[in-house]
Amino acid sequence: MSKLKPGLGRGLDALINPNFKEGNDDPVTVSSKEIKKDDGKSYDILAMIPIEIIEPNPYQPRTEFEPIALEELKKSILQNGLIQPITVRRLTTDKYQLISGERRWRACTEIGYKDIPAYIIKVETKEAMLALSLIENIQREKLNPIEVAVAYKRLLEECNLSQEQVAERVGKDRTTITNSIRLLKLPELIQDNIIKNSISAGHARALINLPTEKLKIKFMNKIVNEQLSVRKIENLVKNYLKSSTKEKAPKEVPEIPENNSASKNSFESYLRGILGTKVTLNVKKDNTGNITIDFYSDEELERLFELFSYIEKNNS
């Protein structure tokens, strides 16, 4: 008897045959008699496939394959066998493409195995292939935070999904998706440190509201050099932004531009300059309207509140 584990991940029933049950972390025992050679036409089956006719997944979200981890996997396979099969789609009768399990496929190739057990599922479109590859990898939580963020962004842009749809398919809340994607706005040096695990995603999120790239990197170095906790760096950034707002807040509110259609853009620019965020002025035909002030985090909302309080105090 060999232990095999389907593990296709939550939320994939919209993409693949529902006969496959949601994966989990517990191996499922499958009789070796169930693993037969592929007949070249069936789907949703477990079969033995020649390794040499399997090609890598062009939509693979993982960019880092640690050599040490791969060596450990090879030793495990040699000692215990391949516990979990890979997942592929059939391109032709003698050609397959990986969906998930590239590390296992690489390890078995380097060991010298000729065949590998694989689930063969039907995936016909690029969008479905991309979504399946990304969601499967995200669900397994084997990606670093930047790879996860890139995966979410690709699901949004290449699969035309909304943040709500992505959240539903990967079993996360929408805030998690939003916060993850925001990591991609950080300087490349900070993203590299997240990948290397020098700082955590929590550390990195605390740096997002700092106004300049130079400041973000300065605070990142402080995290690394002083081994600061997430809570500590959050407080340091919060205090910095608070003191910075007080220093830069105008002692007097500048003269407001004339209220006419020609000055709409200048009035928006005036407010953006004061508030340090996007401001939109909507004027109706009857000269009524509304002003929309954007904020992107609890910290930024708190900064705006403190700024309004400061202006009110100094002009009362």
C-alpha atoms as a PDB file:
ATOM      1  CA  MET A   1       0.000   0.000   0.000  1.00  0.00           C
ATOM      2  CA  SER A   2       1.286   3.482  -0.758  1.00  0.00           C
ATOM      3  CA  LYS A   3       0.025   6.683   0.780  1.00  0.00           C
ATOM      4  CA  LEU A   4      -1.198   9.267  -1.680  1.00  0.00           C
ATOM      5  CA  LYS A   5      -2.691  12.650  -1.036  1.00  0.00           C
ATOM      6  CA  PRO A   6      -4.985  14.505  -3.460  1.00  0.00           C
ATOM      7  CA  GLY A   7      -4.574  18.010  -1.969  1.00  0.00           C
ATOM      8  CA  LEU A   8      -6.060  20.069  -4.771  1.00  0.00           C
ATOM      9  CA  GLY A   9      -7.056  22.861  -2.417  1.00  0.00           C
ATOM     10  CA  ARG A  10     -10.226  24.633  -1.373  1.00  0.00           C
ATOM     11  CA  GLY A  11     -12.409  26.480  -3.856  1.00  0.00           C
ATOM     12  CA  LEU A  12     -11.254  24.644  -6.965  1.00  0.00           C
ATOM     13  CA  ASP A  13     -14.573  22.928  -7.650  1.00  0.00           C
ATOM     14  CA  ALA A  14     -15.389  25.721 -10.091  1.00  0.00           C
ATOM     15  CA  LEU A  15     -12.319  24.812 -12.110  1.00  0.00           C
ATOM     16  CA  ILE A  16     -12.102  21.023 -11.969  1.00  0.00           C
ATOM     17  CA  ASN A  17     -14.322  17.983 -11.697  1.00  0.00           C
ATOM     18  CA  PRO A  18     -16.197  17.992  -8.358  1.00  0.00           C
ATOM     19  CA  ASN A  19     -15.442  14.273  -7.914  1.00  0.00           C
ATOM     20  CA  PHE A  20     -12.123  15.385  -6.433  1.00  0.00           C
ATOM     21  CA  LYS A  21     -12.680  16.236  -2.793  1.00  0.00           C
ATOM     22  CA  GLU A  22     -11.051  19.164  -1.052  1.00  0.00           C
ATOM     23  CA  GLY A  23      -7.471  18.457  -0.089  1.00  0.00           C
ATOM     24  CA  ASN A  24      -6.118  18.422   3.423  1.00  0.00           C
ATOM     25  CA  ASP A  25      -2.861  17.707   5.136  1.00  0.00           C
ATOM     26  CA  ASP A  26      -3.593  14.073   5.975  1.00  0.00           C
ATOM     27  CA  PRO A  27      -2.234  11.449   3.524  1.00  0.00           C
ATOM     28  CA  VAL A  28      -4.824   9.172   1.969  1.00  0.00           C
ATOM     29  CA  THR A  29      -3.985   5.503   1.588  1.00  0.00           C
ATOM     30  CA  VAL A  30      -4.453   4.284  -1.974  1.00  0.00           C
ATOM     31  CA  SER A  31      -3.840   0.730  -3.158  1.00  0.00           C
ATOM     32  CA  SER A  32      -0.973   0.392  -5.631  1.00  0.00           C
ATOM     33  CA  LYS A  33      -3.426  -1.516  -7.845  1.00  0.00           C
ATOM     34  CA  GLU A  34      -5.255   1.760  -8.450  1.00  0.00           C
ATOM     35  CA  ILE A  35      -2.184   3.336 -10.028  1.00  0.00           C
ATOM     36  CA  LYS A  36      -2.208   2.168 -13.641  1.00  0.00           C
ATOM     37  CA  LYS A  37      -0.670   3.461 -16.840  1.00  0.00           C
ATOM     38  CA  ASP A  38      -2.564   6.324 -18.424  1.00  0.00           C
ATOM     39  CA  ASP A  39      -4.884   5.192 -21.192  1.00  0.00           C
ATOM     40  CA  GLY A  40      -4.325   8.460 -23.062  1.00  0.00           C
ATOM     41  CA  LYS A  41      -7.934   9.675 -22.897  1.00  0.00           C
ATOM     42  CA  SER A  42      -9.386   9.515 -19.363  1.00  0.00           C
ATOM     43  CA  TYR A  43      -9.568  12.440 -16.928  1.00  0.00           C
ATOM     44  CA  ASP A  44      -9.880  12.729 -13.163  1.00  0.00           C
ATOM     45  CA  ILE A  45      -7.799   9.612 -12.696  1.00  0.00           C
ATOM     46  CA  LEU A  46      -4.609   8.641 -10.872  1.00  0.00           C
ATOM     47  CA  ALA A  47      -2.063   7.119 -13.234  1.00  0.00           C
ATOM     48  CA  MET A  48       1.645   6.388 -13.671  1.00  0.00           C
ATOM     49  CA  ILE A  49       3.213   8.722 -16.236  1.00  0.00           C
ATOM     50  CA  PRO A  50       6.720   8.735 -17.752  1.00  0.00           C
ATOM     51  CA  ILE A  51       8.606  11.661 -16.204  1.00  0.00           C
ATOM     52  CA  GLU A  52      10.343  12.562 -19.455  1.00  0.00           C
ATOM     53  CA  ILE A  53       7.092  13.538 -21.206  1.00  0.00           C
ATOM     54  CA  ILE A  54       6.004  15.986 -18.497  1.00  0.00           C
ATOM     55  CA  GLU A  55       6.838  19.665 -19.040  1.00  0.00           C
ATOM     56  CA  PRO A  56       7.045  22.400 -16.357  1.00  0.00           C
ATOM     57  CA  ASN A  57       4.106  24.621 -15.522  1.00  0.00           C
ATOM     58  CA  PRO A  58       4.442  27.948 -17.399  1.00  0.00           C
ATOM     59  CA  TYR A  59       2.179  29.560 -14.783  1.00  0.00           C
ATOM     60  CA  GLN A  60       4.180  28.382 -11.771  1.00  0.00           C
ATOM     61  CA  PRO A  61       3.950  31.117  -9.115  1.00  0.00           C
ATOM     62  CA  ARG A  62       6.909  29.825  -7.122  1.00  0.00           C
ATOM     63  CA  THR A  63      10.195  31.522  -8.030  1.00  0.00           C
ATOM     64  CA  GLU A  64      12.351  30.151  -5.214  1.00  0.00           C
ATOM     65  CA  PHE A  65      13.339  26.457  -5.062  1.00  0.00           C
ATOM     66  CA  GLU A  66      15.740  25.997  -2.168  1.00  0.00           C
ATOM     67  CA  PRO A  67      18.471  23.443  -2.985  1.00  0.00           C
ATOM     68  CA  ILE A  68      18.638  22.211   0.637  1.00  0.00           C
ATOM     69  CA  ALA A  69      14.889  21.611   0.762  1.00  0.00           C
ATOM     70  CA  LEU A  70      15.062  19.770  -2.556  1.00  0.00           C
ATOM     71  CA  GLU A  71      17.828  17.515  -1.239  1.00  0.00           C
ATOM     72  CA  GLU A  72      15.791  16.765   1.873  1.00  0.00           C
ATOM     73  CA  LEU A  73      12.805  15.890  -0.306  1.00  0.00           C
ATOM     74  CA  LYS A  74      14.927  13.543  -2.397  1.00  0.00           C
ATOM     75  CA  LYS A  75      16.136  11.741   0.746  1.00  0.00           C
ATOM     76  CA  SER A  76      12.540  11.444   1.976  1.00  0.00           C
ATOM     77  CA  ILE A  77      11.368  10.003  -1.341  1.00  0.00           C
ATOM     78  CA  LEU A  78      14.217   7.485  -1.406  1.00  0.00           C
ATOM     79  CA  GLN A  79      13.389   6.404   2.128  1.00  0.00           C
ATOM     80  CA  ASN A  80       9.586   6.526   2.139  1.00  0.00           C
ATOM     81  CA  GLY A  81       8.568   6.710  -1.506  1.00  0.00           C
ATOM     82  CA  LEU A  82       6.555   9.527  -3.062  1.00  0.00           C
ATOM     83  CA  ILE A  83       3.741  10.090  -0.568  1.00  0.00           C
ATOM     84  CA  GLN A  84       1.855  12.660  -2.629  1.00  0.00           C
ATOM     85  CA  PRO A  85       1.336  12.478  -6.411  1.00  0.00           C
ATOM     86  CA  ILE A  86       1.729  15.452  -8.718  1.00  0.00           C
ATOM     87  CA  THR A  87      -1.163  16.978 -10.681  1.00  0.00           C
ATOM     88  CA  VAL A  88      -1.018  17.378 -14.460  1.00  0.00           C
ATOM     89  CA  ARG A  89      -3.140  18.127 -17.489  1.00  0.00           C
ATOM     90  CA  ARG A  90      -2.903  16.164 -20.717  1.00  0.00           C
ATOM     91  CA  LEU A  91      -1.724  18.157 -23.727  1.00  0.00           C
ATOM     92  CA  THR A  92      -1.568  15.210 -26.150  1.00  0.00           C
ATOM     93  CA  THR A  93      -1.580  11.434 -25.791  1.00  0.00           C
ATOM     94  CA  ASP A  94       2.142  11.522 -25.037  1.00  0.00           C
ATOM     95  CA  LYS A  95       2.672  14.944 -23.493  1.00  0.00           C
ATOM     96  CA  TYR A  96       1.616  16.405 -20.119  1.00  0.00           C
ATOM     97  CA  GLN A  97       1.972  19.724 -18.329  1.00  0.00           C
ATOM     98  CA  LEU A  98       2.456  20.164 -14.597  1.00  0.00           C
ATOM     99  CA  ILE A  99      -0.207  21.930 -12.565  1.00  0.00           C
ATOM    100  CA  SER A 100       1.255  21.319  -9.119  1.00  0.00           C
ATOM    101  CA  GLY A 101       4.112  19.352  -7.611  1.00  0.00           C
ATOM    102  CA  GLU A 102       7.130  20.807  -9.379  1.00  0.00           C
ATOM    103  CA  ARG A 103       9.467  20.126  -6.429  1.00  0.00           C
ATOM    104  CA  ARG A 104       8.334  16.498  -6.335  1.00  0.00           C
ATOM    105  CA  TRP A 105       8.746  16.233 -10.103  1.00  0.00           C
ATOM    106  CA  ARG A 106      12.240  17.770  -9.932  1.00  0.00           C
ATOM    107  CA  ALA A 107      13.252  15.503  -7.056  1.00  0.00           C
ATOM    108  CA  CYS A 108      12.068  12.343  -8.810  1.00  0.00           C
ATOM    109  CA  THR A 109      13.796  13.435 -12.027  1.00  0.00           C
ATOM    110  CA  GLU A 110      17.104  13.960 -10.213  1.00  0.00           C
ATOM    111  CA  ILE A 111      16.750  10.639  -8.403  1.00  0.00           C
ATOM    112  CA  GLY A 112      16.354   8.942 -11.770  1.00  0.00           C
ATOM    113  CA  TYR A 113      12.777   7.688 -11.584  1.00  0.00           C
ATOM    114  CA  LYS A 114      11.283   6.831 -14.970  1.00  0.00           C
ATOM    115  CA  ASP A 115       7.619   7.126 -13.944  1.00  0.00           C
ATOM    116  CA  ILE A 116       5.693   9.220 -11.424  1.00  0.00           C
ATOM    117  CA  PRO A 117       2.129   8.956 -10.032  1.00  0.00           C
ATOM    118  CA  ALA A 118      -0.037  11.844 -11.186  1.00  0.00           C
ATOM    119  CA  TYR A 119      -3.613  13.037 -11.053  1.00  0.00           C
ATOM    120  CA  ILE A 120      -4.750  13.834 -14.585  1.00  0.00           C
ATOM    121  CA  ILE A 121      -7.424  16.524 -14.712  1.00  0.00           C
ATOM    122  CA  LYS A 122      -9.017  18.445 -17.562  1.00  0.00           C
ATOM    123  CA  VAL A 123      -8.001  22.081 -17.812  1.00  0.00           C
ATOM    124  CA  GLU A 124      -8.789  23.646 -21.169  1.00  0.00           C
ATOM    125  CA  THR A 125      -8.124  27.392 -20.888  1.00  0.00           C
ATOM    126  CA  LYS A 126      -5.147  29.514 -19.933  1.00  0.00           C
ATOM    127  CA  GLU A 127      -7.237  31.322 -17.315  1.00  0.00           C
ATOM    128  CA  ALA A 128      -8.320  28.082 -15.667  1.00  0.00           C
ATOM    129  CA  MET A 129      -4.758  26.735 -15.749  1.00  0.00           C
ATOM    130  CA  LEU A 130      -3.383  29.912 -14.193  1.00  0.00           C
ATOM    131  CA  ALA A 131      -6.087  30.063 -11.526  1.00  0.00           C
ATOM    132  CA  LEU A 132      -5.683  26.396 -10.663  1.00  0.00           C
ATOM    133  CA  SER A 133      -1.891  26.670 -10.386  1.00  0.00           C
ATOM    134  CA  LEU A 134      -2.009  29.808  -8.273  1.00  0.00           C
ATOM    135  CA  ILE A 135      -4.812  28.756  -5.959  1.00  0.00           C
ATOM    136  CA  GLU A 136      -3.317  25.320  -5.394  1.00  0.00           C
ATOM    137  CA  ASN A 137       0.032  26.810  -4.429  1.00  0.00           C
ATOM    138  CA  ILE A 138      -1.518  29.518  -2.240  1.00  0.00           C
ATOM    139  CA  GLN A 139      -3.641  26.954  -0.408  1.00  0.00           C
ATOM    140  CA  ARG A 140      -0.581  24.853   0.389  1.00  0.00           C
ATOM    141  CA  GLU A 141       1.070  27.924   1.968  1.00  0.00           C
ATOM    142  CA  LYS A 142       4.426  27.032   0.450  1.00  0.00           C
ATOM    143  CA  LEU A 143       4.892  30.405  -1.210  1.00  0.00           C
ATOM    144  CA  ASN A 144       6.697  33.328   0.398  1.00  0.00           C
ATOM    145  CA  PRO A 145       4.592  36.493   1.003  1.00  0.00           C
ATOM    146  CA  ILE A 146       5.799  38.197  -2.176  1.00  0.00           C
ATOM    147  CA  GLU A 147       5.009  35.150  -4.313  1.00  0.00           C
ATOM    148  CA  VAL A 148       1.554  35.064  -2.721  1.00  0.00           C
ATOM    149  CA  ALA A 149       1.050  38.773  -3.453  1.00  0.00           C
ATOM    150  CA  VAL A 150       2.104  38.312  -7.081  1.00  0.00           C
ATOM    151  CA  ALA A 151      -0.231  35.312  -7.336  1.00  0.00           C
ATOM    152  CA  TYR A 152      -3.165  37.355  -6.048  1.00  0.00           C
ATOM    153  CA  LYS A 153      -2.347  40.171  -8.465  1.00  0.00           C
ATOM    154  CA  ARG A 154      -2.181  37.746 -11.398  1.00  0.00           C
ATOM    155  CA  LEU A 155      -5.547  36.269 -10.436  1.00  0.00           C
ATOM    156  CA  LEU A 156      -6.986  39.795 -10.478  1.00  0.00           C
ATOM    157  CA  GLU A 157      -5.391  40.917 -13.721  1.00  0.00           C
ATOM    158  CA  GLU A 158      -5.042  37.776 -15.841  1.00  0.00           C
ATOM    159  CA  CYS A 159      -8.129  35.880 -14.705  1.00  0.00           C
ATOM    160  CA  ASN A 160     -10.319  38.992 -14.472  1.00  0.00           C
ATOM    161  CA  LEU A 161     -11.393  38.195 -10.916  1.00  0.00           C
ATOM    162  CA  SER A 162     -12.431  40.769  -8.325  1.00  0.00           C
ATOM    163  CA  GLN A 163     -10.772  40.871  -4.901  1.00  0.00           C
ATOM    164  CA  GLU A 164     -13.945  39.374  -3.455  1.00  0.00           C
ATOM    165  CA  GLN A 165     -13.787  36.469  -5.936  1.00  0.00           C
ATOM    166  CA  VAL A 166     -10.110  35.849  -5.215  1.00  0.00           C
ATOM    167  CA  ALA A 167     -10.811  35.896  -1.480  1.00  0.00           C
ATOM    168  CA  GLU A 168     -13.639  33.400  -1.903  1.00  0.00           C
ATOM    169  CA  ARG A 169     -11.606  31.021  -4.047  1.00  0.00           C
ATOM    170  CA  VAL A 170      -8.574  30.901  -1.778  1.00  0.00           C
ATOM    171  CA  GLY A 171     -10.563  30.879   1.450  1.00  0.00           C
ATOM    172  CA  LYS A 172      -9.277  34.224   2.755  1.00  0.00           C
ATOM    173  CA  ASP A 173     -11.026  37.466   3.645  1.00  0.00           C
ATOM    174  CA  ARG A 174     -10.837  40.439   1.301  1.00  0.00           C
ATOM    175  CA  THR A 175      -8.663  42.453   3.687  1.00  0.00           C
ATOM    176  CA  THR A 176      -6.013  39.726   3.548  1.00  0.00           C
ATOM    177  CA  ILE A 177      -5.937  39.962  -0.260  1.00  0.00           C
ATOM    178  CA  THR A 178      -5.697  43.764  -0.179  1.00  0.00           C
ATOM    179  CA  ASN A 179      -2.924  43.834   2.420  1.00  0.00           C
ATOM    180  CA  SER A 180      -0.972  41.161   0.568  1.00  0.00           C
ATOM    181  CA  ILE A 181      -1.039  43.010  -2.765  1.00  0.00           C
ATOM    182  CA  ARG A 182       0.043  46.247  -1.049  1.00  0.00           C
ATOM    183  CA  LEU A 183       3.410  44.595  -0.311  1.00  0.00           C
ATOM    184  CA  LEU A 184       4.206  44.913  -4.025  1.00  0.00           C
ATOM    185  CA  LYS A 185       4.243  48.717  -3.652  1.00  0.00           C
ATOM    186  CA  LEU A 186       7.287  48.496  -1.383  1.00  0.00           C
ATOM    187  CA  PRO A 187      10.822  49.049  -2.726  1.00  0.00           C
ATOM    188  CA  GLU A 188      12.444  45.999  -4.313  1.00  0.00           C
ATOM    189  CA  LEU A 189      15.064  45.861  -1.550  1.00  0.00           C
ATOM    190  CA  ILE A 190      12.341  45.438   1.073  1.00  0.00           C
ATOM    191  CA  GLN A 191      10.592  42.799  -1.023  1.00  0.00           C
ATOM    192  CA  ASP A 192      13.886  40.918  -1.301  1.00  0.00           C
ATOM    193  CA  ASN A 193      14.239  40.957   2.489  1.00  0.00           C
ATOM    194  CA  ILE A 194      10.736  39.547   2.837  1.00  0.00           C
ATOM    195  CA  ILE A 195      11.636  36.734   0.432  1.00  0.00           C
ATOM    196  CA  LYS A 196      14.820  36.037   2.404  1.00  0.00           C
ATOM    197  CA  ASN A 197      12.768  36.053   5.611  1.00  0.00           C
ATOM    198  CA  SER A 198      14.935  38.841   7.067  1.00  0.00           C
ATOM    199  CA  ILE A 199      11.711  40.669   7.879  1.00  0.00           C
ATOM    200  CA  SER A 200       8.131  39.419   8.018  1.00  0.00           C
ATOM    201  CA  ALA A 201       5.154  40.574   5.995  1.00  0.00           C
ATOM    202  CA  GLY A 202       3.856  42.158   9.224  1.00  0.00           C
ATOM    203  CA  HIS A 203       7.036  44.219   9.525  1.00  0.00           C
ATOM    204  CA  ALA A 204       6.754  45.247   5.889  1.00  0.00           C
ATOM    205  CA  ARG A 205       3.124  46.346   6.151  1.00  0.00           C
ATOM    206  CA  ALA A 206       4.114  48.723   8.950  1.00  0.00           C
ATOM    207  CA  LEU A 207       6.429  50.507   6.498  1.00  0.00           C
ATOM    208  CA  ILE A 208       3.909  51.072   3.709  1.00  0.00           C
ATOM    209  CA  ASN A 209       2.601  54.441   4.973  1.00  0.00           C
ATOM    210  CA  LEU A 210       6.035  56.031   5.278  1.00  0.00           C
ATOM    211  CA  PRO A 211       6.185  58.838   2.693  1.00  0.00           C
ATOM    212  CA  THR A 212       9.474  58.059   0.907  1.00  0.00           C
ATOM    213  CA  GLU A 213      11.398  55.033  -0.298  1.00  0.00           C
ATOM    214  CA  LYS A 214      14.447  56.230   1.612  1.00  0.00           C
ATOM    215  CA  LEU A 215      12.513  56.265   4.889  1.00  0.00           C
ATOM    216  CA  LYS A 216      11.033  52.829   4.248  1.00  0.00           C
ATOM    217  CA  ILE A 217      14.504  51.360   3.742  1.00  0.00           C
ATOM    218  CA  LYS A 218      15.862  53.228   6.776  1.00  0.00           C
ATOM    219  CA  PHE A 219      13.181  51.723   9.016  1.00  0.00           C
ATOM    220  CA  MET A 220      13.666  48.300   7.417  1.00  0.00           C
ATOM    221  CA  ASN A 221      17.361  48.392   8.309  1.00  0.00           C
ATOM    222  CA  LYS A 222      16.376  49.306  11.845  1.00  0.00           C
ATOM    223  CA  ILE A 223      14.151  46.211  11.997  1.00  0.00           C
ATOM    224  CA  VAL A 224      16.963  43.958  10.802  1.00  0.00           C
ATOM    225  CA  ASN A 225      19.749  45.485  12.880  1.00  0.00           C
ATOM    226  CA  GLU A 226      17.800  45.764  16.125  1.00  0.00           C
ATOM    227  CA  GLN A 227      15.599  42.681  15.658  1.00  0.00           C
ATOM    228  CA  LEU A 228      12.479  44.729  16.305  1.00  0.00           C
ATOM    229  CA  SER A 229       9.089  43.089  16.788  1.00  0.00           C
ATOM    230  CA  VAL A 230       6.172  43.962  14.527  1.00  0.00           C
ATOM    231  CA  ARG A 231       4.463  45.841  17.360  1.00  0.00           C
ATOM    232  CA  LYS A 232       7.622  47.857  18.051  1.00  0.00           C
ATOM    233  CA  ILE A 233       8.092  48.971  14.438  1.00  0.00           C
ATOM    234  CA  GLU A 234       4.380  49.804  14.161  1.00  0.00           C
ATOM    235  CA  ASN A 235       4.720  52.130  17.151  1.00  0.00           C
ATOM    236  CA  LEU A 236       7.920  53.696  15.813  1.00  0.00           C
ATOM    237  CA  VAL A 237       6.332  54.404  12.437  1.00  0.00           C
ATOM    238  CA  LYS A 238       3.168  55.711  14.055  1.00  0.00           C
ATOM    239  CA  ASN A 239       5.140  58.108  16.258  1.00  0.00           C
ATOM    240  CA  TYR A 240       7.239  59.244  13.314  1.00  0.00           C
ATOM    241  CA  LEU A 241       4.171  59.992  11.185  1.00  0.00           C
ATOM    242  CA  LYS A 242       2.520  61.799  14.078  1.00  0.00           C
ATOM    243  CA  SER A 243       5.525  64.051  14.702  1.00  0.00           C
ATOM    244  CA  SER A 244       6.025  64.583  10.977  1.00  0.00           C
ATOM    245  CA  THR A 245       2.407  65.658  10.541  1.00  0.00           C
ATOM    246  CA  LYS A 246       2.719  68.207  13.350  1.00  0.00           C
ATOM    247  CA  GLU A 247       5.904  69.661  11.883  1.00  0.00           C
ATOM    248  CA  LYS A 248       4.498  69.980   8.374  1.00  0.00           C
ATOM    249  CA  ALA A 249       0.940  70.997   9.188  1.00  0.00           C
ATOM    250  CA  PRO A 250       0.285  74.600   8.129  1.00  0.00           C
ATOM    251  CA  LYS A 251      -0.087  77.153  10.912  1.00  0.00           C
ATOM    252  CA  GLU A 252      -2.803  78.795   8.873  1.00  0.00           C
ATOM    253  CA  VAL A 253      -5.095  77.339   6.279  1.00  0.00           C
ATOM    254  CA  PRO A 254      -4.030  78.764   2.889  1.00  0.00           C
ATOM    255  CA  GLU A 255      -6.435  80.907   0.928  1.00  0.00           C
ATOM    256  CA  ILE A 256      -9.046  78.732  -0.782  1.00  0.00           C
ATOM    257  CA  PRO A 257      -9.170  79.034  -4.585  1.00  0.00           C
ATOM    258  CA  GLU A 258     -12.216  80.669  -6.176  1.00  0.00           C
ATOM    259  CA  ASN A 259     -15.206  78.355  -6.396  1.00  0.00           C
ATOM    260  CA  ASN A 260     -15.817  78.044 -10.130  1.00  0.00           C
ATOM    261  CA  SER A 261     -15.489  75.257 -12.688  1.00  0.00           C
ATOM    262  CA  ALA A 262     -12.117  76.491 -13.893  1.00  0.00           C
ATOM    263  CA  SER A 263     -10.629  76.173 -10.395  1.00  0.00           C
ATOM    264  CA  LYS A 264     -11.892  72.631  -9.719  1.00  0.00           C
ATOM    265  CA  ASN A 265      -8.510  71.042 -10.449  1.00  0.00           C
ATOM    266  CA  SER A 266      -6.587  73.648  -8.480  1.00  0.00           C
ATOM    267  CA  PHE A 267      -8.933  73.166  -5.520  1.00  0.00           C
ATOM    268  CA  GLU A 268      -8.359  69.405  -5.624  1.00  0.00           C
ATOM    269  CA  SER A 269      -4.597  69.997  -5.776  1.00  0.00           C
ATOM    270  CA  TYR A 270      -4.876  72.417  -2.863  1.00  0.00           C
ATOM    271  CA  LEU A 271      -6.614  69.803  -0.704  1.00  0.00           C
ATOM    272  CA  ARG A 272      -4.244  67.016  -1.766  1.00  0.00           C
ATOM    273  CA  GLY A 273      -1.310  69.184  -0.749  1.00  0.00           C
ATOM    274  CA  ILE A 274      -2.756  69.699   2.726  1.00  0.00           C
ATOM    275  CA  LEU A 275      -4.031  66.188   3.324  1.00  0.00           C
ATOM    276  CA  GLY A 276      -1.298  64.200   1.617  1.00  0.00           C
ATOM    277  CA  THR A 277      -3.760  61.835  -0.077  1.00  0.00           C
ATOM    278  CA  LYS A 278      -6.086  61.637  -3.076  1.00  0.00           C
ATOM    279  CA  VAL A 279      -9.007  64.086  -2.976  1.00  0.00           C
ATOM    280  CA  THR A 280     -11.829  64.209  -5.522  1.00  0.00           C
ATOM    281  CA  LEU A 281     -14.222  67.136  -5.947  1.00  0.00           C
ATOM    282  CA  ASN A 282     -17.606  66.355  -7.531  1.00  0.00           C
ATOM    283  CA  VAL A 283     -19.657  69.390  -8.567  1.00  0.00           C
ATOM    284  CA  LYS A 284     -23.292  69.015  -9.694  1.00  0.00           C
ATOM    285  CA  LYS A 285     -25.197  71.242 -12.103  1.00  0.00           C
ATOM    286  CA  ASP A 286     -26.908  73.067  -9.240  1.00  0.00           C
ATOM    287  CA  ASN A 287     -23.452  73.908  -7.793  1.00  0.00           C
ATOM    288  CA  THR A 288     -23.843  71.452  -4.945  1.00  0.00           C
ATOM    289  CA  GLY A 289     -21.539  68.473  -4.638  1.00  0.00           C
ATOM    290  CA  ASN A 290     -19.265  66.484  -2.429  1.00  0.00           C
ATOM    291  CA  ILE A 291     -15.606  66.014  -1.627  1.00  0.00           C
ATOM    292  CA  THR A 292     -14.145  62.484  -1.392  1.00  0.00           C
ATOM    293  CA  ILE A 293     -10.987  61.933   0.675  1.00  0.00           C
ATOM    294  CA  ASP A 294      -9.267  58.579   0.131  1.00  0.00           C
ATOM    295  CA  PHE A 295      -7.368  56.671   2.804  1.00  0.00           C
ATOM    296  CA  TYR A 296      -5.763  53.228   2.539  1.00  0.00           C
ATOM    297  CA  SER A 297      -5.306  51.959   6.084  1.00  0.00           C
ATOM    298  CA  ASP A 298      -6.352  52.483   9.695  1.00  0.00           C
ATOM    299  CA  GLU A 299      -3.048  54.259  10.282  1.00  0.00           C
ATOM    300  CA  GLU A 300      -3.682  56.710   7.441  1.00  0.00           C
ATOM    301  CA  LEU A 301      -7.200  57.424   8.704  1.00  0.00           C
ATOM    302  CA  GLU A 302      -5.741  58.162  12.129  1.00  0.00           C
ATOM    303  CA  ARG A 303      -3.175  60.493  10.516  1.00  0.00           C
ATOM    304  CA  LEU A 304      -5.937  62.404   8.740  1.00  0.00           C
ATOM    305  CA  PHE A 305      -7.931  62.686  11.960  1.00  0.00           C
ATOM    306  CA  GLU A 306      -4.891  64.086  13.779  1.00  0.00           C
ATOM    307  CA  LEU A 307      -4.284  66.545  10.950  1.00  0.00           C
ATOM    308  CA  PHE A 308      -7.866  67.839  11.049  1.00  0.00           C
ATOM    309  CA  SER A 309      -7.644  68.132  14.825  1.00  0.00           C
ATOM    310  CA  TYR A 310      -4.399  70.093  14.519  1.00  0.00           C
ATOM    311  CA  ILE A 311      -5.820  72.474  11.923  1.00  0.00           C
ATOM    312  CA  GLU A 312      -8.982  73.041  13.965  1.00  0.00           C
ATOM    313  CA  LYS A 313      -6.976  73.702  17.122  1.00  0.00           C
ATOM    314  CA  ASN A 314      -4.686  76.214  15.449  1.00  0.00           C
ATOM    315  CA  ASN A 315      -7.485  78.087  13.689  1.00  0.00           C
ATOM    316  CA  SER A 316     -10.049  78.258  16.487  1.00  0.00           C
END
